[in-house]
Amino acid sequence: MTVDLVFEDGLIPVIAQDTESGRVLMFAYASPDAVEQTEQTGLAHYYSRSRDELWQKGATSGHVQHVEEIRVDCDGDALLYEVDQEGGACHTGYESCFYRTVEETVAREDASIAVSTTETGEQLFDPDEVYE
């Protein structure tokens, strides 16, 4: 079966999930080139919207993601990278980008929401030392 992927504004959402634990490690976007590079190399590639460039996860930090499997959702508009993560997945040094638990939400007049959080994850490295 062939599925046409849906790249909105040239990007598709990607969730990186630890193959062994099933824990969600991070969320990012990928361009068609990033998906192709991931499939060809077996290493996770994404597209940085802030830097406007293709990047390989861990190219600077050494904390690469070995992609064991790429899955596509039912609508073809999101991907799941099942990965074997080396080191921390988050650029802040944590094992996962989802290292904060929401304790309370406060709606604002501008339709945004402020949240109070508690850090629940484990920091594996000091980002100041890695990204000098």
N, C-alpha and C. Protein backbone atom coordinates (compact mmCIF):
# COMPACT_ATOMS: atom_id res chain seq x y z
N MET A 1 0.84 -1.18 0.00
CA MET A 1 0.00 0.00 0.00
C MET A 1 0.89 1.24 0.00
N THR A 2 0.54 2.21 -0.78
CA THR A 2 1.26 3.48 -0.83
C THR A 2 0.42 4.56 -0.16
N VAL A 3 1.06 5.35 0.69
CA VAL A 3 0.40 6.46 1.37
C VAL A 3 1.11 7.74 0.98
N ASP A 4 0.36 8.73 0.55
CA ASP A 4 0.94 10.04 0.26
C ASP A 4 0.99 10.84 1.55
N LEU A 5 2.21 11.22 1.97
CA LEU A 5 2.35 12.01 3.18
C LEU A 5 1.88 13.44 2.93
N VAL A 6 1.27 14.04 3.95
CA VAL A 6 0.77 15.40 3.88
C VAL A 6 1.75 16.33 4.59
N PHE A 7 2.43 17.18 3.81
CA PHE A 7 3.39 18.13 4.35
C PHE A 7 2.75 19.52 4.31
N GLU A 8 2.22 19.97 5.44
CA GLU A 8 1.60 21.29 5.51
C GLU A 8 2.70 22.34 5.62
N ASP A 9 2.69 23.30 4.71
CA ASP A 9 3.76 24.31 4.64
C ASP A 9 5.13 23.65 4.51
N GLY A 10 5.19 22.49 3.87
CA GLY A 10 6.46 21.80 3.62
C GLY A 10 6.98 20.97 4.77
N LEU A 11 6.19 20.83 5.84
CA LEU A 11 6.64 20.09 7.03
C LEU A 11 5.58 19.12 7.51
N ILE A 12 6.05 18.07 8.18
CA ILE A 12 5.15 17.09 8.79
C ILE A 12 5.56 16.91 10.25
N PRO A 13 4.60 16.84 11.19
CA PRO A 13 4.93 16.61 12.60
C PRO A 13 5.51 15.21 12.80
N VAL A 14 6.51 15.13 13.70
CA VAL A 14 7.15 13.86 14.02
C VAL A 14 7.25 13.71 15.54
N ILE A 15 6.83 12.57 16.03
CA ILE A 15 7.02 12.24 17.44
C ILE A 15 8.15 11.21 17.50
N ALA A 16 9.12 11.43 18.38
CA ALA A 16 10.19 10.45 18.61
C ALA A 16 9.86 9.71 19.90
N GLN A 17 9.80 8.39 19.80
CA GLN A 17 9.42 7.54 20.92
C GLN A 17 10.51 6.51 21.16
N ASP A 18 10.87 6.30 22.44
CA ASP A 18 11.87 5.30 22.79
C ASP A 18 11.33 3.91 22.48
N THR A 19 12.09 3.16 21.72
CA THR A 19 11.67 1.83 21.28
C THR A 19 11.41 0.89 22.45
N GLU A 20 12.29 0.90 23.45
CA GLU A 20 12.16 -0.03 24.58
C GLU A 20 11.07 0.36 25.55
N SER A 21 11.10 1.61 26.02
CA SER A 21 10.18 2.03 27.08
C SER A 21 8.83 2.52 26.55
N GLY A 22 8.78 2.96 25.30
CA GLY A 22 7.56 3.55 24.76
C GLY A 22 7.38 5.00 25.15
N ARG A 23 8.32 5.55 25.90
CA ARG A 23 8.23 6.94 26.36
C ARG A 23 8.41 7.90 25.19
N VAL A 24 7.57 8.93 25.15
CA VAL A 24 7.71 9.98 24.14
C VAL A 24 8.90 10.84 24.53
N LEU A 25 9.85 10.97 23.61
CA LEU A 25 11.07 11.72 23.88
C LEU A 25 10.99 13.16 23.40
N MET A 26 10.43 13.37 22.23
CA MET A 26 10.37 14.72 21.69
C MET A 26 9.36 14.81 20.56
N PHE A 27 9.06 16.06 20.19
CA PHE A 27 8.19 16.39 19.07
C PHE A 27 8.95 17.38 18.21
N ALA A 28 8.92 17.18 16.92
CA ALA A 28 9.59 18.09 16.00
C ALA A 28 8.89 18.03 14.65
N TYR A 29 9.43 18.73 13.69
CA TYR A 29 8.91 18.70 12.33
C TYR A 29 9.97 18.16 11.39
N ALA A 30 9.52 17.57 10.29
CA ALA A 30 10.45 17.08 9.27
C ALA A 30 9.99 17.57 7.90
N SER A 31 10.95 17.88 7.08
CA SER A 31 10.71 18.21 5.68
C SER A 31 10.81 16.91 4.89
N PRO A 32 10.41 16.92 3.63
CA PRO A 32 10.61 15.70 2.82
C PRO A 32 12.08 15.25 2.80
N ASP A 33 13.02 16.20 2.72
CA ASP A 33 14.44 15.85 2.74
C ASP A 33 14.84 15.20 4.07
N ALA A 34 14.29 15.70 5.18
CA ALA A 34 14.61 15.13 6.49
C ALA A 34 14.11 13.69 6.60
N VAL A 35 12.91 13.44 6.10
CA VAL A 35 12.36 12.07 6.13
C VAL A 35 13.22 11.15 5.27
N GLU A 36 13.61 11.63 4.10
CA GLU A 36 14.45 10.83 3.21
C GLU A 36 15.81 10.54 3.83
N GLN A 37 16.43 11.55 4.45
CA GLN A 37 17.73 11.35 5.11
C GLN A 37 17.60 10.36 6.26
N THR A 38 16.51 10.45 7.01
CA THR A 38 16.27 9.51 8.12
C THR A 38 16.18 8.09 7.60
N GLU A 39 15.42 7.90 6.55
CA GLU A 39 15.23 6.56 5.98
C GLU A 39 16.53 6.03 5.41
N GLN A 40 17.33 6.88 4.78
CA GLN A 40 18.58 6.44 4.16
C GLN A 40 19.69 6.15 5.16
N THR A 41 19.78 6.96 6.24
CA THR A 41 20.90 6.84 7.17
C THR A 41 20.58 6.03 8.43
N GLY A 42 19.29 5.93 8.77
CA GLY A 42 18.91 5.27 10.02
C GLY A 42 19.08 6.17 11.23
N LEU A 43 19.45 7.43 11.00
CA LEU A 43 19.57 8.42 12.07
C LEU A 43 18.48 9.47 11.89
N ALA A 44 17.91 9.94 13.01
CA ALA A 44 16.80 10.89 12.94
C ALA A 44 17.25 12.24 12.41
N HIS A 45 16.53 12.73 11.42
CA HIS A 45 16.72 14.06 10.85
C HIS A 45 15.40 14.82 10.97
N TYR A 46 15.51 16.09 11.22
CA TYR A 46 14.34 16.95 11.39
C TYR A 46 14.57 18.25 10.63
N TYR A 47 13.56 19.13 10.70
CA TYR A 47 13.71 20.46 10.10
C TYR A 47 13.49 21.48 11.21
N SER A 48 14.47 22.33 11.42
CA SER A 48 14.38 23.37 12.44
C SER A 48 13.66 24.58 11.86
N ARG A 49 12.50 24.88 12.40
CA ARG A 49 11.77 26.07 11.94
C ARG A 49 12.48 27.34 12.39
N SER A 50 13.08 27.35 13.58
CA SER A 50 13.75 28.55 14.08
C SER A 50 15.03 28.86 13.31
N ARG A 51 15.77 27.83 12.92
CA ARG A 51 17.01 28.03 12.16
C ARG A 51 16.80 27.92 10.65
N ASP A 52 15.60 27.46 10.26
CA ASP A 52 15.25 27.29 8.85
C ASP A 52 16.26 26.39 8.14
N GLU A 53 16.50 25.19 8.75
CA GLU A 53 17.46 24.27 8.14
C GLU A 53 17.21 22.83 8.58
N LEU A 54 17.66 21.92 7.74
CA LEU A 54 17.65 20.49 8.04
C LEU A 54 18.70 20.21 9.10
N TRP A 55 18.41 19.33 10.06
CA TRP A 55 19.42 18.97 11.06
C TRP A 55 19.30 17.51 11.47
N GLN A 56 20.43 16.94 11.78
CA GLN A 56 20.47 15.58 12.31
C GLN A 56 20.48 15.66 13.82
N LYS A 57 19.57 14.97 14.45
CA LYS A 57 19.51 14.95 15.91
C LYS A 57 20.82 14.39 16.46
N GLY A 58 21.46 15.16 17.34
CA GLY A 58 22.69 14.71 17.98
C GLY A 58 23.96 15.04 17.24
N ALA A 59 23.87 15.75 16.12
CA ALA A 59 25.08 16.08 15.35
C ALA A 59 26.05 16.91 16.18
N THR A 60 25.54 17.78 17.04
CA THR A 60 26.38 18.61 17.90
C THR A 60 26.66 17.94 19.23
N SER A 61 25.63 17.39 19.85
CA SER A 61 25.74 16.84 21.21
C SER A 61 26.28 15.41 21.25
N GLY A 62 26.12 14.69 20.15
CA GLY A 62 26.47 13.27 20.15
C GLY A 62 25.32 12.39 20.62
N HIS A 63 24.20 13.00 20.99
CA HIS A 63 23.04 12.26 21.50
C HIS A 63 22.11 11.92 20.34
N VAL A 64 22.58 11.04 19.48
CA VAL A 64 21.84 10.70 18.26
C VAL A 64 20.67 9.77 18.54
N GLN A 65 19.75 9.75 17.59
CA GLN A 65 18.62 8.83 17.64
C GLN A 65 18.77 7.84 16.49
N HIS A 66 18.92 6.56 16.83
CA HIS A 66 18.95 5.50 15.83
C HIS A 66 17.50 5.10 15.58
N VAL A 67 17.03 5.32 14.37
CA VAL A 67 15.63 5.07 14.06
C VAL A 67 15.44 3.60 13.70
N GLU A 68 14.68 2.91 14.54
CA GLU A 68 14.40 1.50 14.34
C GLU A 68 13.25 1.29 13.37
N GLU A 69 12.29 2.23 13.41
CA GLU A 69 11.12 2.10 12.55
C GLU A 69 10.48 3.47 12.38
N ILE A 70 9.94 3.72 11.20
CA ILE A 70 9.16 4.93 10.94
C ILE A 70 7.73 4.50 10.71
N ARG A 71 6.82 5.10 11.44
CA ARG A 71 5.40 4.80 11.28
C ARG A 71 4.67 6.06 10.82
N VAL A 72 3.60 5.85 10.08
CA VAL A 72 2.77 6.96 9.60
C VAL A 72 1.37 6.79 10.17
N ASP A 73 0.75 7.91 10.54
CA ASP A 73 -0.60 7.81 11.11
C ASP A 73 -1.64 7.56 10.02
N CYS A 74 -2.88 7.36 10.43
CA CYS A 74 -3.95 6.96 9.52
C CYS A 74 -4.25 8.01 8.45
N ASP A 75 -4.01 9.28 8.73
CA ASP A 75 -4.29 10.35 7.77
C ASP A 75 -3.09 10.71 6.91
N GLY A 76 -1.92 10.16 7.23
CA GLY A 76 -0.71 10.48 6.48
C GLY A 76 -0.17 11.86 6.78
N ASP A 77 -0.59 12.44 7.93
CA ASP A 77 -0.14 13.79 8.25
C ASP A 77 0.70 13.89 9.52
N ALA A 78 1.20 12.77 10.00
CA ALA A 78 2.10 12.75 11.15
C ALA A 78 2.93 11.47 11.11
N LEU A 79 4.16 11.56 11.61
CA LEU A 79 5.06 10.41 11.65
C LEU A 79 5.46 10.10 13.09
N LEU A 80 5.81 8.85 13.30
CA LEU A 80 6.36 8.39 14.57
C LEU A 80 7.70 7.74 14.26
N TYR A 81 8.77 8.27 14.87
CA TYR A 81 10.07 7.63 14.78
C TYR A 81 10.25 6.81 16.05
N GLU A 82 10.36 5.50 15.91
CA GLU A 82 10.70 4.66 17.06
C GLU A 82 12.21 4.60 17.09
N VAL A 83 12.80 5.08 18.20
CA VAL A 83 14.25 5.30 18.24
C VAL A 83 14.93 4.63 19.42
N ASP A 84 16.21 4.37 19.20
CA ASP A 84 17.13 4.00 20.27
C ASP A 84 17.93 5.27 20.52
N GLN A 85 17.66 5.92 21.64
CA GLN A 85 18.23 7.22 21.97
C GLN A 85 19.56 7.07 22.69
N GLU A 86 20.59 7.74 22.21
CA GLU A 86 21.87 7.82 22.92
C GLU A 86 21.86 9.10 23.74
N GLY A 87 22.00 9.00 25.05
CA GLY A 87 22.01 10.19 25.90
C GLY A 87 20.64 10.82 25.99
N GLY A 88 20.62 12.11 26.31
CA GLY A 88 19.36 12.83 26.46
C GLY A 88 18.80 13.28 25.13
N ALA A 89 17.49 13.26 25.02
CA ALA A 89 16.83 13.68 23.78
C ALA A 89 16.61 15.18 23.73
N CYS A 90 16.51 15.82 24.89
CA CYS A 90 16.19 17.24 24.93
C CYS A 90 17.45 18.11 24.96
N HIS A 91 17.41 19.21 24.22
CA HIS A 91 18.56 20.12 24.19
C HIS A 91 18.82 20.79 25.54
N THR A 92 17.85 20.67 26.48
CA THR A 92 18.04 21.23 27.82
C THR A 92 18.77 20.25 28.74
N GLY A 93 19.09 19.06 28.20
CA GLY A 93 19.83 18.07 28.98
C GLY A 93 19.00 16.96 29.56
N TYR A 94 17.69 17.05 29.40
CA TYR A 94 16.81 16.03 29.97
C TYR A 94 16.65 14.84 29.04
N GLU A 95 16.28 13.71 29.64
CA GLU A 95 16.06 12.47 28.90
C GLU A 95 14.97 12.66 27.84
N SER A 96 13.93 13.40 28.19
CA SER A 96 12.80 13.66 27.30
C SER A 96 12.50 15.16 27.32
N CYS A 97 11.97 15.67 26.22
CA CYS A 97 11.54 17.07 26.19
C CYS A 97 10.31 17.29 27.08
N PHE A 98 9.64 16.21 27.44
CA PHE A 98 8.43 16.28 28.26
C PHE A 98 8.78 15.97 29.72
N TYR A 99 9.65 16.80 30.30
CA TYR A 99 10.15 16.56 31.65
C TYR A 99 9.42 17.38 32.72
N ARG A 100 8.37 18.10 32.32
CA ARG A 100 7.60 18.90 33.27
C ARG A 100 6.15 18.42 33.29
N THR A 101 5.61 18.29 34.50
CA THR A 101 4.22 17.90 34.69
C THR A 101 3.41 19.15 35.02
N VAL A 102 2.29 19.32 34.33
CA VAL A 102 1.43 20.49 34.56
C VAL A 102 0.66 20.29 35.86
N GLU A 103 0.77 21.27 36.74
CA GLU A 103 0.08 21.22 38.04
C GLU A 103 -1.18 22.09 38.03
N GLU A 104 -1.11 23.22 37.32
CA GLU A 104 -2.25 24.15 37.31
C GLU A 104 -2.22 24.95 36.02
N THR A 105 -3.40 25.23 35.49
CA THR A 105 -3.51 26.08 34.30
C THR A 105 -4.29 27.34 34.65
N VAL A 106 -3.91 28.45 34.03
CA VAL A 106 -4.59 29.71 34.25
C VAL A 106 -4.87 30.33 32.87
N ALA A 107 -6.14 30.49 32.56
CA ALA A 107 -6.52 31.11 31.29
C ALA A 107 -6.28 32.61 31.37
N ARG A 108 -5.77 33.17 30.28
CA ARG A 108 -5.52 34.61 30.20
C ARG A 108 -6.54 35.25 29.28
N GLU A 109 -6.67 36.55 29.39
CA GLU A 109 -7.63 37.29 28.57
C GLU A 109 -7.31 37.23 27.08
N ASP A 110 -6.04 37.05 26.74
CA ASP A 110 -5.64 37.01 25.32
C ASP A 110 -5.80 35.61 24.72
N ALA A 111 -6.52 34.73 25.41
CA ALA A 111 -6.81 33.36 24.97
C ALA A 111 -5.61 32.43 25.11
N SER A 112 -4.51 32.88 25.74
CA SER A 112 -3.39 31.99 26.02
C SER A 112 -3.59 31.35 27.39
N ILE A 113 -2.74 30.42 27.71
CA ILE A 113 -2.82 29.74 29.01
C ILE A 113 -1.44 29.73 29.64
N ALA A 114 -1.38 30.09 30.91
CA ALA A 114 -0.15 29.98 31.70
C ALA A 114 -0.26 28.68 32.50
N VAL A 115 0.85 27.99 32.65
CA VAL A 115 0.83 26.75 33.41
C VAL A 115 1.89 26.76 34.49
N SER A 116 1.55 26.20 35.63
CA SER A 116 2.52 25.94 36.69
C SER A 116 2.95 24.50 36.54
N THR A 117 4.26 24.27 36.61
CA THR A 117 4.77 22.92 36.37
C THR A 117 5.70 22.46 37.48
N THR A 118 5.91 21.16 37.52
CA THR A 118 6.90 20.54 38.38
C THR A 118 7.81 19.72 37.49
N GLU A 119 9.12 19.87 37.69
CA GLU A 119 10.07 19.06 36.92
C GLU A 119 10.06 17.64 37.45
N THR A 120 9.82 16.70 36.53
CA THR A 120 9.72 15.30 36.94
C THR A 120 10.71 14.41 36.19
N GLY A 121 11.42 14.97 35.25
CA GLY A 121 12.37 14.19 34.47
C GLY A 121 13.77 14.22 35.04
N GLU A 122 14.63 13.47 34.41
CA GLU A 122 16.02 13.38 34.84
C GLU A 122 16.91 14.13 33.85
N GLN A 123 17.72 15.05 34.38
CA GLN A 123 18.68 15.76 33.53
C GLN A 123 19.93 14.91 33.40
N LEU A 124 20.28 14.59 32.16
CA LEU A 124 21.40 13.68 31.89
C LEU A 124 22.69 14.39 31.56
N PHE A 125 22.60 15.66 31.12
CA PHE A 125 23.81 16.41 30.80
C PHE A 125 23.58 17.90 30.97
N ASP A 126 24.68 18.65 31.09
CA ASP A 126 24.63 20.10 31.24
C ASP A 126 24.71 20.71 29.84
N PRO A 127 23.64 21.36 29.38
CA PRO A 127 23.66 21.91 28.03
C PRO A 127 24.72 22.99 27.82
N ASP A 128 25.09 23.72 28.87
CA ASP A 128 26.14 24.73 28.74
C ASP A 128 27.49 24.12 28.37
N GLU A 129 27.73 22.91 28.84
CA GLU A 129 28.97 22.22 28.53
C GLU A 129 28.95 21.61 27.12
N VAL A 130 27.78 21.17 26.69
CA VAL A 130 27.65 20.50 25.39
C VAL A 130 27.55 21.47 24.24
N TYR A 131 26.82 22.58 24.44
CA TYR A 131 26.58 23.54 23.36
C TYR A 131 27.34 24.85 23.58
N GLU A 132 28.60 24.77 23.85
CA GLU A 132 29.42 25.96 24.13
C GLU A 132 29.46 26.87 22.94
